[in-house]
N, C-alpha and C. Protein backbone atom coordinates (compact mmCIF):
# COMPACT_ATOMS: atom_id res chain seq x y z
N MET A 1 -13.78 36.20 -15.02
CA MET A 1 -13.04 35.12 -13.89
C MET A 1 -12.74 34.48 -15.23
N SER A 2 -10.56 34.57 -14.03
CA SER A 2 -10.43 33.84 -14.88
C SER A 2 -10.58 31.69 -15.50
N ARG A 3 -9.95 31.18 -16.02
CA ARG A 3 -10.21 29.60 -16.69
C ARG A 3 -9.29 28.87 -15.16
N PRO A 4 -9.34 27.91 -15.31
CA PRO A 4 -9.07 27.29 -13.47
C PRO A 4 -7.48 26.93 -15.05
N LYS A 5 -6.16 26.80 -14.48
CA LYS A 5 -5.18 26.68 -15.29
C LYS A 5 -5.22 25.20 -14.94
N ARG A 6 -5.15 24.46 -16.41
CA ARG A 6 -4.92 23.15 -16.67
C ARG A 6 -3.21 22.09 -15.81
N GLU A 7 -3.82 21.47 -15.11
CA GLU A 7 -2.80 20.58 -14.64
C GLU A 7 -2.52 19.72 -15.37
N LEU A 8 -0.99 19.56 -15.69
CA LEU A 8 -0.11 18.74 -16.62
C LEU A 8 0.05 17.77 -15.54
N ARG A 9 -0.02 16.67 -16.59
CA ARG A 9 0.48 15.84 -15.44
C ARG A 9 1.48 14.73 -16.26
N LYS A 10 2.25 13.68 -15.58
CA LYS A 10 3.04 13.63 -16.42
C LYS A 10 2.80 11.35 -16.49
N LYS A 11 2.48 11.67 -17.63
CA LYS A 11 1.69 9.71 -17.58
C LYS A 11 2.55 9.29 -18.92
N TYR A 12 3.05 8.01 -18.40
CA TYR A 12 3.52 7.32 -19.39
C TYR A 12 3.07 5.95 -19.59
N VAL A 13 3.08 5.30 -21.07
CA VAL A 13 2.55 3.48 -20.47
C VAL A 13 3.78 2.91 -21.15
N VAL A 14 3.53 2.48 -20.16
CA VAL A 14 5.16 0.64 -20.21
C VAL A 14 4.26 -0.33 -20.94
N PHE A 15 5.19 -1.02 -21.68
CA PHE A 15 4.83 -2.22 -22.78
C PHE A 15 6.06 -3.47 -22.28
N CYS A 16 5.53 -4.55 -21.53
CA CYS A 16 6.16 -5.10 -20.66
C CYS A 16 5.83 -6.78 -20.90
N GLU A 17 6.80 -7.38 -21.27
CA GLU A 17 6.49 -8.63 -21.49
C GLU A 17 6.74 -10.04 -20.40
N GLY A 18 7.76 -9.59 -19.46
CA GLY A 18 7.62 -11.14 -18.21
C GLY A 18 7.03 -9.87 -16.70
N ASP A 19 6.50 -10.88 -16.28
CA ASP A 19 6.16 -11.15 -14.60
C ASP A 19 7.26 -9.96 -14.33
N THR A 20 8.38 -10.56 -14.28
CA THR A 20 9.62 -9.75 -13.42
C THR A 20 9.58 -8.12 -13.41
N GLU A 21 9.12 -7.94 -14.93
CA GLU A 21 9.86 -6.26 -15.46
C GLU A 21 8.16 -5.37 -15.04
N TYR A 22 6.75 -6.80 -15.33
CA TYR A 22 5.55 -6.13 -14.37
C TYR A 22 5.32 -5.60 -13.38
N ASN A 23 5.91 -7.03 -12.04
CA ASN A 23 6.02 -6.93 -10.80
C ASN A 23 7.36 -5.53 -10.19
N TYR A 24 8.36 -5.66 -11.29
CA TYR A 24 9.16 -3.87 -10.42
C TYR A 24 8.56 -2.56 -10.91
N ILE A 25 8.10 -2.75 -12.53
CA ILE A 25 7.46 -1.46 -12.99
C ILE A 25 6.43 -0.87 -11.84
N ASP A 26 5.40 -1.80 -12.06
CA ASP A 26 4.50 -1.92 -10.72
C ASP A 26 4.35 -1.24 -9.33
N ALA A 27 5.61 -1.98 -8.64
CA ALA A 27 5.63 -1.23 -7.33
C ALA A 27 6.62 -0.23 -7.49
N MET A 28 7.68 0.16 -8.35
CA MET A 28 8.00 1.46 -8.88
C MET A 28 7.12 2.42 -8.85
N ARG A 29 6.50 2.25 -9.85
CA ARG A 29 4.88 3.49 -10.37
C ARG A 29 5.17 4.04 -8.53
N LEU A 30 4.42 3.13 -7.88
CA LEU A 30 3.97 3.51 -6.23
C LEU A 30 4.98 4.13 -5.15
N ASN A 31 6.43 3.26 -5.16
CA ASN A 31 7.10 4.23 -4.41
C ASN A 31 7.88 5.86 -5.83
N GLN A 32 7.59 6.06 -6.82
CA GLN A 32 7.88 6.99 -7.49
C GLN A 32 6.54 7.84 -7.13
N GLY A 33 5.99 7.67 -7.42
CA GLY A 33 4.57 8.45 -7.22
C GLY A 33 4.61 9.05 -9.12
N VAL A 34 4.96 7.63 -9.94
CA VAL A 34 4.49 8.68 -10.95
C VAL A 34 3.39 7.86 -11.61
N GLU A 35 2.69 8.46 -12.60
CA GLU A 35 1.60 7.88 -13.69
C GLU A 35 2.37 7.00 -14.60
N LEU A 36 2.25 5.49 -14.25
CA LEU A 36 2.59 4.45 -15.38
C LEU A 36 1.92 3.84 -15.91
N ALA A 37 0.74 3.78 -16.76
CA ALA A 37 0.23 2.60 -17.17
C ALA A 37 0.89 1.12 -17.47
N LEU A 38 0.64 0.82 -17.17
CA LEU A 38 1.40 -0.99 -17.74
C LEU A 38 0.32 -2.13 -18.57
N LYS A 39 1.26 -2.49 -19.72
CA LYS A 39 0.57 -2.84 -20.60
C LYS A 39 1.29 -4.28 -20.73
N PRO A 40 1.16 -5.40 -19.75
CA PRO A 40 1.86 -6.73 -20.31
C PRO A 40 1.91 -7.37 -21.46
N VAL A 41 2.68 -7.78 -21.93
CA VAL A 41 2.44 -8.93 -22.82
C VAL A 41 2.19 -9.73 -23.14
N ASN A 42 2.09 -11.09 -23.27
CA ASN A 42 2.13 -12.70 -23.45
C ASN A 42 3.15 -12.50 -24.32
N MET A 43 4.35 -12.89 -24.59
CA MET A 43 5.35 -13.05 -25.65
C MET A 43 5.12 -14.20 -26.07
N GLN A 44 4.47 -15.35 -25.39
CA GLN A 44 4.60 -16.59 -25.78
C GLN A 44 3.65 -16.46 -27.22
N GLY A 45 2.64 -15.77 -27.31
CA GLY A 45 1.45 -15.95 -28.57
C GLY A 45 1.68 -15.85 -29.42
N GLY A 46 2.89 -14.87 -29.91
CA GLY A 46 3.51 -14.84 -31.18
C GLY A 46 4.70 -13.85 -30.86
N GLY A 47 5.86 -13.81 -30.14
CA GLY A 47 7.23 -13.04 -30.03
C GLY A 47 7.24 -11.51 -30.55
N TYR A 48 8.15 -11.21 -31.08
CA TYR A 48 7.68 -10.31 -30.89
C TYR A 48 6.95 -9.64 -32.02
N ALA A 49 6.74 -9.97 -33.57
CA ALA A 49 5.41 -9.67 -33.84
C ALA A 49 4.11 -9.53 -32.92
N GLY A 50 3.90 -10.51 -32.85
CA GLY A 50 2.82 -10.23 -31.70
C GLY A 50 2.98 -9.21 -30.75
N PHE A 51 3.91 -8.79 -30.01
CA PHE A 51 4.51 -7.86 -29.61
C PHE A 51 3.72 -6.12 -30.26
N LEU A 52 4.31 -6.02 -31.33
CA LEU A 52 4.52 -5.11 -32.17
C LEU A 52 3.32 -5.03 -32.42
N GLU A 53 1.67 -6.21 -32.48
CA GLU A 53 0.55 -5.50 -33.89
C GLU A 53 -0.33 -5.48 -31.97
N HIS A 54 0.90 -5.31 -30.55
CA HIS A 54 -0.73 -4.82 -29.53
C HIS A 54 -0.37 -4.04 -29.50
N ILE A 55 1.27 -3.43 -29.67
CA ILE A 55 1.63 -2.17 -30.05
C ILE A 55 0.98 -1.46 -30.55
N LYS A 56 0.41 -1.45 -31.85
CA LYS A 56 -0.38 -0.97 -32.86
C LYS A 56 -1.58 -0.51 -32.60
N LYS A 57 -2.46 -1.77 -31.89
CA LYS A 57 -3.68 -1.67 -31.25
C LYS A 57 -4.21 -0.54 -30.53
N GLU A 58 -2.96 -0.76 -29.27
CA GLU A 58 -3.21 0.74 -28.80
C GLU A 58 -3.41 1.66 -28.86
N ALA A 59 -4.09 2.64 -28.04
CA ALA A 59 -4.97 4.31 -29.20
C ALA A 59 -3.62 4.92 -28.26
N ASP A 60 -2.92 6.12 -29.25
CA ASP A 60 -2.23 7.06 -28.79
C ASP A 60 -3.27 8.20 -27.77
N ASN A 61 -3.31 7.10 -26.43
CA ASN A 61 -3.78 8.34 -25.48
C ASN A 61 -3.21 9.28 -24.82
N ASN A 62 -3.41 9.33 -24.25
CA ASN A 62 -2.54 11.05 -23.56
C ASN A 62 -1.81 10.17 -23.26
N CYS A 63 -0.66 10.38 -23.30
CA CYS A 63 0.57 10.39 -22.53
C CYS A 63 1.70 10.82 -23.36
N LEU A 64 2.84 11.25 -22.37
CA LEU A 64 4.19 11.52 -22.85
C LEU A 64 5.46 10.99 -24.02
N ALA A 65 5.11 9.94 -23.52
CA ALA A 65 6.48 8.61 -23.95
C ALA A 65 5.40 6.93 -23.51
N LYS A 66 5.58 6.57 -24.46
CA LYS A 66 5.53 4.82 -24.16
C LYS A 66 6.79 4.75 -24.51
N PHE A 67 7.27 3.32 -23.46
CA PHE A 67 7.91 2.91 -23.50
C PHE A 67 8.16 1.05 -24.21
N ILE A 68 8.82 0.71 -24.52
CA ILE A 68 8.19 -0.76 -25.00
C ILE A 68 10.22 -1.56 -24.31
N ILE A 69 9.85 -2.78 -22.86
CA ILE A 69 10.83 -3.14 -22.23
C ILE A 69 10.45 -4.40 -22.73
N ILE A 70 11.98 -5.06 -23.44
CA ILE A 70 11.70 -6.25 -24.34
C ILE A 70 13.33 -6.90 -24.10
N ASP A 71 13.08 -8.40 -23.75
CA ASP A 71 14.24 -9.34 -23.84
C ASP A 71 14.79 -9.42 -24.63
N PHE A 72 16.15 -9.13 -25.17
CA PHE A 72 16.94 -10.20 -26.77
C PHE A 72 17.01 -10.56 -26.64
N ASP A 73 17.15 -12.22 -24.91
CA ASP A 73 17.54 -13.38 -25.67
C ASP A 73 16.71 -14.13 -26.60
N ARG A 74 15.70 -13.70 -27.22
CA ARG A 74 14.09 -15.18 -27.74
C ARG A 74 14.90 -14.16 -29.27
N ALA A 75 15.59 -13.09 -29.56
CA ALA A 75 16.09 -13.64 -31.15
C ALA A 75 16.86 -14.16 -30.74
N ARG A 76 18.03 -14.33 -29.95
CA ARG A 76 19.19 -15.55 -29.87
C ARG A 76 18.47 -17.44 -30.02
N LYS A 77 18.13 -17.24 -29.09
CA LYS A 77 17.43 -18.73 -28.63
C LYS A 77 16.02 -19.03 -30.10
N HIS A 78 15.04 -17.88 -30.79
CA HIS A 78 14.47 -18.68 -31.53
C HIS A 78 14.64 -18.24 -33.25
N PRO A 79 15.18 -19.21 -33.52
CA PRO A 79 15.10 -18.94 -35.74
C PRO A 79 14.03 -17.84 -35.94
N GLY A 80 14.30 -17.12 -36.92
CA GLY A 80 13.14 -16.48 -37.17
C GLY A 80 12.93 -15.20 -36.55
N GLU A 81 13.35 -15.00 -35.45
CA GLU A 81 12.68 -13.92 -34.06
C GLU A 81 13.50 -12.69 -34.69
N LEU A 82 14.57 -12.77 -35.33
CA LEU A 82 15.37 -10.95 -35.24
C LEU A 82 14.62 -10.61 -36.19
N PRO A 83 14.43 -10.92 -37.11
CA PRO A 83 13.74 -10.24 -38.39
C PRO A 83 12.30 -9.42 -37.61
N ARG A 84 11.98 -9.96 -36.79
CA ARG A 84 10.26 -9.60 -36.24
C ARG A 84 11.01 -8.70 -35.17
N LEU A 85 12.40 -9.17 -34.71
CA LEU A 85 12.57 -7.28 -33.94
C LEU A 85 13.11 -6.21 -34.20
N LYS A 86 13.07 -6.63 -36.10
CA LYS A 86 13.90 -5.47 -36.75
C LYS A 86 12.38 -4.80 -37.16
N GLU A 87 11.92 -5.24 -37.49
CA GLU A 87 10.08 -4.92 -37.65
C GLU A 87 9.84 -3.26 -36.49
N LEU A 88 10.27 -4.30 -35.20
CA LEU A 88 9.43 -3.69 -34.01
C LEU A 88 10.59 -2.05 -34.31
N MET A 89 11.53 -2.55 -34.00
CA MET A 89 12.79 -1.33 -33.87
C MET A 89 12.20 -0.13 -34.85
N GLU A 90 11.86 -0.55 -36.00
CA GLU A 90 11.38 0.44 -37.36
C GLU A 90 10.07 0.78 -37.35
N TYR A 91 9.42 0.13 -36.76
CA TYR A 91 7.76 0.54 -36.34
C TYR A 91 8.14 1.92 -35.25
N CYS A 92 8.90 1.94 -34.34
CA CYS A 92 9.36 2.41 -33.32
C CYS A 92 10.13 3.66 -33.76
N LYS A 93 11.21 3.91 -34.52
CA LYS A 93 11.67 4.77 -34.89
C LYS A 93 10.94 5.38 -36.28
N LEU A 94 10.31 4.51 -37.06
CA LEU A 94 9.17 5.30 -37.98
C LEU A 94 7.90 6.43 -36.74
N GLN A 95 7.47 5.87 -35.68
CA GLN A 95 6.77 6.87 -35.48
C GLN A 95 7.08 7.92 -34.78
N ASN A 96 8.82 8.12 -34.52
CA ASN A 96 9.91 8.66 -33.66
C ASN A 96 9.60 10.24 -34.57
N GLU A 97 9.93 9.39 -36.37
CA GLU A 97 10.74 10.58 -37.16
C GLU A 97 9.23 11.09 -37.32
N ARG A 98 7.60 10.68 -37.10
CA ARG A 98 7.03 11.55 -37.46
C ARG A 98 6.51 11.89 -36.44
N LYS A 99 7.06 12.58 -35.39
CA LYS A 99 7.33 13.05 -34.41
C LYS A 99 5.73 13.00 -33.58
N LYS A 100 4.97 11.43 -33.54
CA LYS A 100 4.08 10.73 -32.75
C LYS A 100 4.46 11.03 -31.75
N ILE A 101 4.05 10.17 -30.58
CA ILE A 101 4.36 9.85 -29.50
C ILE A 101 5.10 9.22 -29.07
N PRO A 102 6.74 9.90 -28.23
CA PRO A 102 7.71 9.36 -28.43
C PRO A 102 7.64 7.50 -28.31
N HIS A 103 8.02 7.00 -29.17
CA HIS A 103 8.48 5.28 -28.19
C HIS A 103 10.14 5.05 -28.44
N PHE A 104 9.98 4.88 -26.93
CA PHE A 104 11.54 4.46 -26.47
C PHE A 104 11.90 2.86 -26.42
N LEU A 105 12.28 2.08 -27.48
CA LEU A 105 12.75 0.54 -26.85
C LEU A 105 13.84 -0.10 -26.14
N ILE A 106 13.34 -0.70 -25.32
CA ILE A 106 14.59 -1.02 -24.22
C ILE A 106 14.75 -1.30 -24.86
N LEU A 107 15.76 -2.28 -24.54
CA LEU A 107 16.28 -3.82 -24.91
C LEU A 107 17.66 -3.98 -23.86
N ASP A 108 17.27 -5.68 -23.32
CA ASP A 108 17.00 -5.86 -21.86
C ASP A 108 18.54 -6.89 -22.53
N ASN A 109 19.96 -7.20 -22.51
CA ASN A 109 20.80 -8.33 -23.05
C ASN A 109 21.08 -9.05 -21.52
N PRO A 110 21.09 -10.03 -21.58
CA PRO A 110 20.09 -11.13 -22.45
C PRO A 110 18.79 -10.72 -22.20
N ASP A 111 18.36 -10.14 -21.17
CA ASP A 111 16.92 -10.26 -20.48
C ASP A 111 16.98 -9.21 -19.01
N PHE A 112 15.81 -8.88 -18.50
CA PHE A 112 15.86 -8.16 -17.13
C PHE A 112 15.95 -9.27 -16.00
N GLU A 113 16.17 -10.34 -15.81
CA GLU A 113 16.87 -11.02 -14.90
C GLU A 113 18.11 -10.24 -14.41
N TYR A 114 18.98 -9.82 -15.91
CA TYR A 114 20.29 -10.10 -15.40
C TYR A 114 20.31 -8.57 -14.74
N VAL A 115 19.34 -7.63 -15.46
CA VAL A 115 19.65 -6.39 -15.17
C VAL A 115 19.26 -6.45 -13.47
N ALA A 116 18.14 -6.99 -13.17
CA ALA A 116 17.41 -7.40 -11.57
C ALA A 116 18.85 -7.30 -10.94
N CYS A 117 19.81 -8.56 -11.32
CA CYS A 117 21.35 -8.98 -10.86
C CYS A 117 21.86 -7.63 -10.88
N LEU A 118 21.70 -6.55 -11.41
CA LEU A 118 22.94 -5.52 -11.23
C LEU A 118 22.58 -4.77 -10.46
N HIS A 119 21.53 -5.06 -9.50
CA HIS A 119 20.90 -4.08 -8.43
C HIS A 119 21.85 -4.60 -7.32
N ILE A 120 21.89 -5.38 -7.36
CA ILE A 120 23.13 -6.29 -6.03
C ILE A 120 24.83 -6.35 -6.50
N GLU A 121 25.28 -5.18 -5.10
CA GLU A 121 26.78 -4.81 -5.27
C GLU A 121 26.91 -5.93 -5.20
N ALA A 122 27.06 -7.42 -4.72
CA ALA A 122 28.34 -8.49 -4.64
C ALA A 122 28.25 -9.23 -5.97
N TYR A 123 26.98 -8.94 -6.57
CA TYR A 123 27.31 -9.33 -8.13
C TYR A 123 28.41 -8.75 -9.05
N HIS A 124 29.16 -9.41 -9.20
CA HIS A 124 30.09 -9.20 -10.26
C HIS A 124 29.80 -10.47 -11.54
N GLY A 125 28.91 -10.57 -12.15
CA GLY A 125 28.61 -11.28 -13.80
C GLY A 125 28.78 -12.31 -13.75
N GLN A 126 28.42 -13.31 -12.40
CA GLN A 126 28.11 -14.29 -12.63
C GLN A 126 27.18 -15.29 -13.63
N ASP A 127 27.11 -16.44 -13.37
CA ASP A 127 25.19 -16.51 -14.46
C ASP A 127 24.64 -16.74 -13.53
N VAL A 128 23.32 -15.66 -14.33
CA VAL A 128 21.92 -15.14 -13.74
C VAL A 128 21.72 -15.72 -12.84
N ARG A 129 21.05 -17.68 -13.62
CA ARG A 129 20.25 -18.23 -12.55
C ARG A 129 20.68 -18.19 -12.05
N LYS A 130 21.92 -19.38 -11.58
CA LYS A 130 22.65 -19.85 -10.49
C LYS A 130 22.73 -19.11 -9.42
N TYR A 131 22.91 -17.57 -10.00
CA TYR A 131 23.01 -16.20 -9.08
C TYR A 131 21.98 -16.18 -8.10
N ILE A 132 21.07 -16.29 -8.79
CA ILE A 132 19.01 -16.24 -8.79
C ILE A 132 19.35 -17.12 -6.86
N GLU A 133 19.11 -18.21 -7.88
CA GLU A 133 18.95 -19.83 -7.53
C GLU A 133 19.77 -20.28 -6.01
N GLN A 134 20.71 -20.11 -5.86
CA GLN A 134 21.76 -20.89 -5.27
C GLN A 134 22.23 -19.15 -4.03
N THR A 135 23.31 -18.38 -4.89
CA THR A 135 23.65 -17.56 -4.26
C THR A 135 22.64 -16.90 -3.05
N LEU A 136 21.61 -16.28 -4.25
CA LEU A 136 20.84 -15.76 -3.24
C LEU A 136 19.72 -16.60 -2.06
N GLY A 137 19.52 -17.81 -2.53
CA GLY A 137 19.09 -18.81 -2.08
C GLY A 137 17.52 -19.04 -2.44
N LEU A 138 17.32 -18.29 -3.23
CA LEU A 138 15.40 -18.46 -3.97
C LEU A 138 15.34 -19.90 -3.93
N GLY A 139 16.22 -20.40 -4.53
CA GLY A 139 15.78 -22.22 -4.86
C GLY A 139 15.75 -21.99 -6.45
N ASP A 140 14.69 -21.39 -7.07
CA ASP A 140 14.12 -21.16 -7.81
C ASP A 140 13.64 -20.00 -9.14
N MET A 141 14.31 -20.30 -10.15
CA MET A 141 13.89 -19.18 -10.96
C MET A 141 12.41 -18.40 -11.12
N GLU A 142 11.69 -19.22 -11.45
CA GLU A 142 10.33 -18.55 -10.96
C GLU A 142 9.92 -18.17 -10.08
N LYS A 143 10.53 -18.42 -9.21
CA LYS A 143 10.03 -17.99 -7.63
C LYS A 143 10.69 -16.62 -7.32
N PHE A 144 11.53 -16.01 -8.24
CA PHE A 144 12.21 -14.90 -8.46
C PHE A 144 10.79 -13.53 -9.22
N LYS A 145 10.95 -14.52 -10.11
CA LYS A 145 9.85 -14.00 -11.61
C LYS A 145 8.92 -13.56 -11.12
N ALA A 146 7.97 -14.54 -10.05
CA ALA A 146 6.68 -14.37 -9.50
C ALA A 146 6.40 -13.38 -8.08
N MET A 147 7.82 -13.13 -7.63
CA MET A 147 7.71 -12.24 -6.50
C MET A 147 7.17 -10.81 -6.52
N ARG A 148 6.47 -10.59 -5.94
CA ARG A 148 5.57 -9.86 -5.69
C ARG A 148 6.32 -7.84 -5.31
N ASP A 149 7.12 -8.20 -4.53
CA ASP A 149 7.99 -7.35 -4.08
C ASP A 149 9.46 -6.95 -4.62
N VAL A 150 9.08 -7.40 -5.93
CA VAL A 150 10.70 -7.54 -6.75
C VAL A 150 12.04 -6.17 -6.03
N TYR A 151 10.58 -5.10 -6.87
CA TYR A 151 11.32 -3.69 -6.70
C TYR A 151 12.17 -3.43 -5.44
N GLY A 152 11.23 -3.76 -4.15
CA GLY A 152 11.69 -3.22 -2.77
C GLY A 152 12.79 -4.16 -2.80
N TYR A 153 12.48 -6.01 -3.26
CA TYR A 153 13.91 -6.75 -2.83
C TYR A 153 15.17 -6.29 -3.38
N LEU A 154 14.98 -5.42 -4.65
CA LEU A 154 16.30 -5.29 -5.03
C LEU A 154 16.28 -3.84 -5.55
N ASN A 155 16.01 -3.00 -3.94
CA ASN A 155 16.05 -1.34 -3.22
C ASN A 155 16.22 -1.55 -1.54
N THR A 156 16.80 -2.50 -1.41
CA THR A 156 16.54 -2.47 -0.12
C THR A 156 18.03 -3.13 0.68
N LYS A 157 18.48 -2.96 1.54
CA LYS A 157 19.84 -3.99 2.20
C LYS A 157 21.13 -3.90 1.35
N GLY A 158 21.23 -2.75 1.15
CA GLY A 158 22.43 -2.28 0.47
C GLY A 158 22.25 -2.08 -1.76
N ASN A 159 20.93 -3.24 -1.54
CA ASN A 159 21.03 -2.83 -2.89
C ASN A 159 20.18 -1.89 -3.95
N SER A 160 20.51 -1.54 -5.27
CA SER A 160 19.60 -0.22 -5.23
C SER A 160 19.85 0.10 -6.92
N PHE A 161 18.92 0.67 -7.31
CA PHE A 161 19.29 1.24 -8.87
C PHE A 161 20.24 1.99 -9.67
N GLU A 162 20.70 2.52 -8.26
CA GLU A 162 21.58 3.48 -8.69
C GLU A 162 22.84 2.14 -8.66
N HIS A 163 23.09 0.97 -8.43
CA HIS A 163 24.28 0.18 -8.60
C HIS A 163 23.79 -0.42 -10.13
N MET A 164 22.62 -0.66 -10.65
CA MET A 164 22.79 -1.34 -11.68
C MET A 164 22.77 0.03 -12.50
N LEU A 165 22.23 1.21 -12.59
CA LEU A 165 22.94 2.18 -13.18
C LEU A 165 24.19 2.58 -13.55
N SER A 166 24.85 2.23 -12.70
CA SER A 166 26.14 2.66 -12.98
C SER A 166 27.00 2.01 -13.64
N ARG A 167 26.16 0.64 -13.85
CA ARG A 167 27.20 -0.65 -14.28
C ARG A 167 26.69 -0.77 -15.98
N LEU A 168 25.59 -0.35 -16.34
CA LEU A 168 25.40 -0.53 -17.65
C LEU A 168 26.06 0.43 -18.53
N LYS A 169 26.69 -0.45 -19.79
CA LYS A 169 28.07 -0.42 -20.77
C LYS A 169 27.87 -0.46 -21.96
N LYS A 170 27.80 -1.42 -21.78
CA LYS A 170 27.54 -2.01 -23.99
C LYS A 170 25.67 -1.73 -23.75
N LYS A 171 25.63 -1.62 -24.42
CA LYS A 171 23.77 -1.13 -25.05
C LYS A 171 23.69 -1.90 -27.14
N ILE A 172 22.41 -2.42 -27.02
CA ILE A 172 22.06 -2.67 -28.58
C ILE A 172 21.43 -1.44 -29.22
N VAL A 173 21.18 -0.57 -28.33
CA VAL A 173 19.99 0.32 -28.95
C VAL A 173 20.02 1.62 -27.89
N VAL A 174 20.46 2.90 -28.47
CA VAL A 174 20.44 3.83 -28.12
C VAL A 174 19.61 4.80 -28.34
N ASN A 175 18.55 5.88 -27.56
CA ASN A 175 17.71 6.53 -27.77
C ASN A 175 17.89 8.12 -27.67
N HIS A 176 18.43 8.51 -28.56
CA HIS A 176 18.83 10.15 -28.48
C HIS A 176 17.46 10.82 -28.47
N TYR A 177 17.00 12.02 -27.05
CA TYR A 177 16.42 12.49 -26.82
C TYR A 177 16.41 13.73 -25.81
N GLN A 178 15.15 14.81 -26.49
CA GLN A 178 15.54 15.90 -25.73
C GLN A 178 14.11 16.66 -25.06
N ILE A 179 14.43 16.50 -23.28
CA ILE A 179 13.19 16.65 -22.65
C ILE A 179 12.86 18.22 -22.57
N ASN A 180 11.71 18.18 -23.07
CA ASN A 180 11.42 19.89 -22.53
C ASN A 180 10.66 19.83 -21.34
N LYS A 181 10.74 20.14 -19.86
CA LYS A 181 10.08 20.55 -18.78
C LYS A 181 9.09 21.11 -18.95
N SER A 182 9.32 23.03 -19.19
CA SER A 182 8.28 23.61 -19.08
C SER A 182 6.93 23.69 -20.29
N GLY A 183 7.75 22.33 -21.42
CA GLY A 183 6.24 22.69 -22.25
C GLY A 183 5.97 20.93 -22.28
N PHE A 184 6.43 20.52 -21.42
CA PHE A 184 6.19 18.78 -20.98
C PHE A 184 6.18 18.21 -22.20
N GLU A 185 7.14 18.02 -22.94
CA GLU A 185 7.69 17.94 -24.36
C GLU A 185 8.90 16.86 -24.32
N ILE A 186 8.63 15.57 -24.98
CA ILE A 186 9.71 15.03 -25.00
C ILE A 186 10.01 14.76 -26.09
N LYS A 187 10.78 14.34 -27.29
CA LYS A 187 11.24 14.51 -28.91
C LYS A 187 12.52 13.23 -28.66
N ILE A 188 12.10 12.48 -29.30
CA ILE A 188 13.40 11.00 -29.79
C ILE A 188 13.70 12.07 -30.80
N SER A 189 15.15 12.05 -31.22
CA SER A 189 15.92 12.07 -32.52
C SER A 189 15.73 11.82 -33.34
N ASP A 190 16.45 10.67 -32.26
CA ASP A 190 17.31 9.96 -33.27
C ASP A 190 17.68 8.36 -32.51
N THR A 191 17.84 7.48 -33.00
CA THR A 191 18.08 5.83 -32.82
C THR A 191 19.13 5.46 -33.15
N GLU A 192 19.69 4.70 -32.33
CA GLU A 192 20.88 4.31 -33.16
C GLU A 192 21.13 2.21 -32.37
N VAL A 193 21.82 1.43 -33.53
CA VAL A 193 21.46 0.08 -33.19
C VAL A 193 22.87 -0.27 -33.42
N PHE A 194 23.36 -0.89 -32.08
CA PHE A 194 24.60 -1.33 -32.22
C PHE A 194 24.92 -2.90 -31.84
N TRP A 195 24.87 -3.37 -33.44
CA TRP A 195 24.59 -4.79 -33.31
C TRP A 195 26.25 -5.45 -32.98
N GLU A 196 27.01 -4.41 -33.12
CA GLU A 196 28.18 -4.89 -32.69
C GLU A 196 28.42 -5.98 -31.18
N HIS A 197 27.62 -5.03 -30.45
CA HIS A 197 27.56 -5.31 -29.27
C HIS A 197 25.80 -6.52 -28.70
N GLU A 198 26.11 -7.21 -29.31
CA GLU A 198 24.76 -8.09 -29.30
C GLU A 198 24.99 -9.39 -28.30
N ASN A 199 26.63 -9.77 -28.16
CA ASN A 199 27.11 -10.73 -27.98
C ASN A 199 27.53 -10.16 -26.23
N GLU A 200 26.91 -8.64 -25.47
CA GLU A 200 28.01 -8.42 -24.42
C GLU A 200 26.58 -8.08 -23.69
N ARG A 201 26.45 -7.90 -22.56
CA ARG A 201 25.21 -8.05 -22.07
C ARG A 201 25.36 -6.58 -21.38
N GLY A 202 23.79 -6.25 -21.23
CA GLY A 202 24.03 -4.65 -20.85
C GLY A 202 21.88 -4.61 -21.04
N SER A 203 22.40 -3.21 -21.39
CA SER A 203 21.07 -2.65 -21.32
C SER A 203 20.86 -0.80 -21.23
N ASN A 204 19.56 -1.01 -22.11
CA ASN A 204 19.50 1.41 -22.47
C ASN A 204 18.10 1.71 -21.56
N ILE A 205 18.16 0.69 -20.45
CA ILE A 205 16.65 0.44 -19.35
C ILE A 205 17.41 2.42 -18.97
N ASN A 206 18.45 2.46 -18.49
CA ASN A 206 18.49 3.86 -18.33
C ASN A 206 17.72 5.02 -18.68
N GLU A 207 17.67 4.91 -19.57
CA GLU A 207 16.91 5.98 -20.44
C GLU A 207 15.41 5.96 -19.85
N PHE A 208 15.17 4.37 -19.31
CA PHE A 208 13.70 4.47 -19.28
C PHE A 208 13.80 5.60 -17.58
N PHE A 209 14.73 5.26 -16.52
CA PHE A 209 14.94 6.02 -15.19
C PHE A 209 14.91 7.39 -15.51
N ASP A 210 16.03 7.86 -16.38
CA ASP A 210 15.93 8.81 -16.83
C ASP A 210 14.26 9.86 -17.04
N VAL A 211 14.50 9.53 -18.14
CA VAL A 211 12.92 10.00 -18.21
C VAL A 211 11.50 10.51 -17.47
N ILE A 212 11.73 9.33 -16.31
CA ILE A 212 10.20 9.16 -15.55
C ILE A 212 10.86 9.96 -14.28
N SER A 213 11.76 10.60 -14.02
CA SER A 213 11.90 11.09 -12.59
C SER A 213 12.59 12.46 -13.22
N TRP A 214 12.04 13.35 -14.28
CA TRP A 214 12.55 14.40 -13.68
C TRP A 214 11.23 15.90 -13.69
């Protein structure tokens, strides 16, 4: 009798720092039927260094890739955080060079709330806080961040992540990767960092959407 064929599953681990990201990805997981293990990290306790320690403590569990989704604005607002961010970048690059579970560093500049606004066709680069609080009529940024169905809100009534992806231009981080669909394998061959784009709003979150959708 032949042994039953082992069913391979596309499982990913996502580390994220804010409520907006967590709520968005949690709903996205349910809508797209992809297996995502969400690991929220409280950045207030230790910044990028605390984030790095959290990732190091996580076991290399059975997953195809790990995504580290963070905001760049912390490095701009808090003195001393940029070197910690660079340490996090180097750690991810080292894991990828060692051919371990690929670590995708996703850097939103300035933050995920800007990425959220890009979902809305009528958004054309206005101040993010004013746009969310006044134009969208939510009144308070914290209300938006706490919105459980933020994914549904940003992907209905003509809004969509396709709008957002088509608008991403300048990126600080770009991961070069290959996907072997038949072998269920993902490899990051190189990661480029473009510090000349630090004053340009953007994100490489397109890599996250690309990888989990194959």
